[in-house]
């Protein structure tokens, strides 16, 4: 069973974020707590960490893509 990666909502004022880069590649194993991507908010660049063990599956959003927060739009 897959778990979607969503653009996190990191503050009350955050409406969207930009995917800066994928730290892992498609198919890489993931352990809970691993950093999987970096996102940019209106205030800072933050790391997105995994909540579950598994593998990074696709399709993956392109680096530089702006996405609404709270939506399953990263993968």
C-alpha atoms as a PDB file:
ATOM      1  CA  UNK A   1       0.000   0.000   0.000  1.00  0.00           C
ATOM      2  CA  UNK A   2       1.407   3.396  -0.928  1.00  0.00           C
ATOM      3  CA  UNK A   3       1.318   6.537   1.181  1.00  0.00           C
ATOM      4  CA  UNK A   4       1.172   9.822  -0.742  1.00  0.00           C
ATOM      5  CA  UNK A   5       3.650  12.547   0.115  1.00  0.00           C
ATOM      6  CA  UNK A   6       1.857  15.857   0.608  1.00  0.00           C
ATOM      7  CA  UNK A   7       3.117  19.405   0.669  1.00  0.00           C
ATOM      8  CA  UNK A   8       3.136  20.049   4.429  1.00  0.00           C
ATOM      9  CA  UNK A   9       1.459  23.067   5.992  1.00  0.00           C
ATOM     10  CA  UNK A  10       4.229  24.495   8.166  1.00  0.00           C
ATOM     11  CA  UNK A  11       2.490  27.653   9.409  1.00  0.00           C
ATOM     12  CA  UNK A  12      -0.960  29.203   9.629  1.00  0.00           C
ATOM     13  CA  UNK A  13      -0.137  31.513   6.731  1.00  0.00           C
ATOM     14  CA  UNK A  14       1.374  28.902   4.388  1.00  0.00           C
ATOM     15  CA  UNK A  15      -0.792  28.288   1.322  1.00  0.00           C
ATOM     16  CA  UNK A  16       1.780  26.677  -0.962  1.00  0.00           C
ATOM     17  CA  UNK A  17       5.374  25.569  -1.199  1.00  0.00           C
ATOM     18  CA  UNK A  18       7.959  24.943  -3.911  1.00  0.00           C
ATOM     19  CA  UNK A  19       9.729  21.608  -4.272  1.00  0.00           C
ATOM     20  CA  UNK A  20      13.415  22.593  -4.187  1.00  0.00           C
ATOM     21  CA  UNK A  21      14.922  19.130  -4.649  1.00  0.00           C
ATOM     22  CA  UNK A  22      14.453  15.439  -4.096  1.00  0.00           C
ATOM     23  CA  UNK A  23      17.054  14.104  -1.654  1.00  0.00           C
ATOM     24  CA  UNK A  24      16.262  10.499  -2.623  1.00  0.00           C
ATOM     25  CA  UNK A  25      15.819   9.018  -6.088  1.00  0.00           C
ATOM     26  CA  UNK A  26      12.870   7.087  -7.476  1.00  0.00           C
ATOM     27  CA  UNK A  27      13.013   3.532  -6.106  1.00  0.00           C
ATOM     28  CA  UNK A  28      15.291   4.346  -3.151  1.00  0.00           C
ATOM     29  CA  UNK A  29      14.422   2.664   0.165  1.00  0.00           C
ATOM     30  CA  UNK A  30      13.058   4.990   2.862  1.00  0.00           C
ATOM     31  CA  UNK A  31      13.242   4.591   6.623  1.00  0.00           C
ATOM     32  CA  UNK A  32      10.919   6.511   8.946  1.00  0.00           C
ATOM     33  CA  UNK A  33      12.591   9.861   9.692  1.00  0.00           C
ATOM     34  CA  UNK A  34      14.692   9.977   6.502  1.00  0.00           C
ATOM     35  CA  UNK A  35      14.784  13.284   4.653  1.00  0.00           C
ATOM     36  CA  UNK A  36      13.137  12.726   1.290  1.00  0.00           C
ATOM     37  CA  UNK A  37      12.856  16.247  -0.136  1.00  0.00           C
ATOM     38  CA  UNK A  38      13.504  19.928   0.479  1.00  0.00           C
ATOM     39  CA  UNK A  39      10.721  22.490   0.099  1.00  0.00           C
ATOM     40  CA  UNK A  40      10.723  26.271   0.119  1.00  0.00           C
ATOM     41  CA  UNK A  41       8.042  28.233   1.942  1.00  0.00           C
ATOM     42  CA  UNK A  42       7.600  31.994   1.990  1.00  0.00           C
ATOM     43  CA  UNK A  43       9.993  32.061   4.972  1.00  0.00           C
ATOM     44  CA  UNK A  44      12.574  29.248   4.708  1.00  0.00           C
ATOM     45  CA  UNK A  45      13.801  26.066   3.029  1.00  0.00           C
ATOM     46  CA  UNK A  46      12.697  23.032   5.065  1.00  0.00           C
ATOM     47  CA  UNK A  47      13.240  19.275   4.912  1.00  0.00           C
ATOM     48  CA  UNK A  48      10.351  16.835   4.421  1.00  0.00           C
ATOM     49  CA  UNK A  49      10.852  13.620   6.379  1.00  0.00           C
ATOM     50  CA  UNK A  50       9.232  10.217   5.937  1.00  0.00           C
ATOM     51  CA  UNK A  51       6.525   9.056   8.329  1.00  0.00           C
ATOM     52  CA  UNK A  52       6.806   5.394   7.217  1.00  0.00           C
ATOM     53  CA  UNK A  53       9.350   2.894   5.921  1.00  0.00           C
ATOM     54  CA  UNK A  54       9.053   2.017   2.245  1.00  0.00           C
ATOM     55  CA  UNK A  55      10.340   3.001  -1.187  1.00  0.00           C
ATOM     56  CA  UNK A  56      10.105   6.264  -3.083  1.00  0.00           C
ATOM     57  CA  UNK A  57       7.570   5.554  -5.811  1.00  0.00           C
ATOM     58  CA  UNK A  58       6.321   7.816  -8.573  1.00  0.00           C
ATOM     59  CA  UNK A  59       5.272   9.714 -10.426  1.00  0.00           C
ATOM     60  CA  UNK A  60       7.337  12.433  -8.763  1.00  0.00           C
ATOM     61  CA  UNK A  61       6.708  16.157  -9.088  1.00  0.00           C
ATOM     62  CA  UNK A  62       9.444  18.065 -10.878  1.00  0.00           C
ATOM     63  CA  UNK A  63      11.888  20.104  -8.845  1.00  0.00           C
ATOM     64  CA  UNK A  64      10.848  23.758  -8.901  1.00  0.00           C
ATOM     65  CA  UNK A  65       7.113  22.915  -8.930  1.00  0.00           C
ATOM     66  CA  UNK A  66       4.872  25.110  -6.756  1.00  0.00           C
ATOM     67  CA  UNK A  67       2.124  23.142  -4.993  1.00  0.00           C
ATOM     68  CA  UNK A  68      -0.716  23.966  -2.590  1.00  0.00           C
ATOM     69  CA  UNK A  69      -0.057  22.886   0.987  1.00  0.00           C
ATOM     70  CA  UNK A  70      -1.988  19.977   2.430  1.00  0.00           C
ATOM     71  CA  UNK A  71      -2.623  18.409  -0.978  1.00  0.00           C
ATOM     72  CA  UNK A  72      -1.368  14.997  -2.140  1.00  0.00           C
ATOM     73  CA  UNK A  73       0.425  16.574  -5.023  1.00  0.00           C
ATOM     74  CA  UNK A  74       4.070  15.690  -4.520  1.00  0.00           C
ATOM     75  CA  UNK A  75       3.673  12.094  -5.723  1.00  0.00           C
END
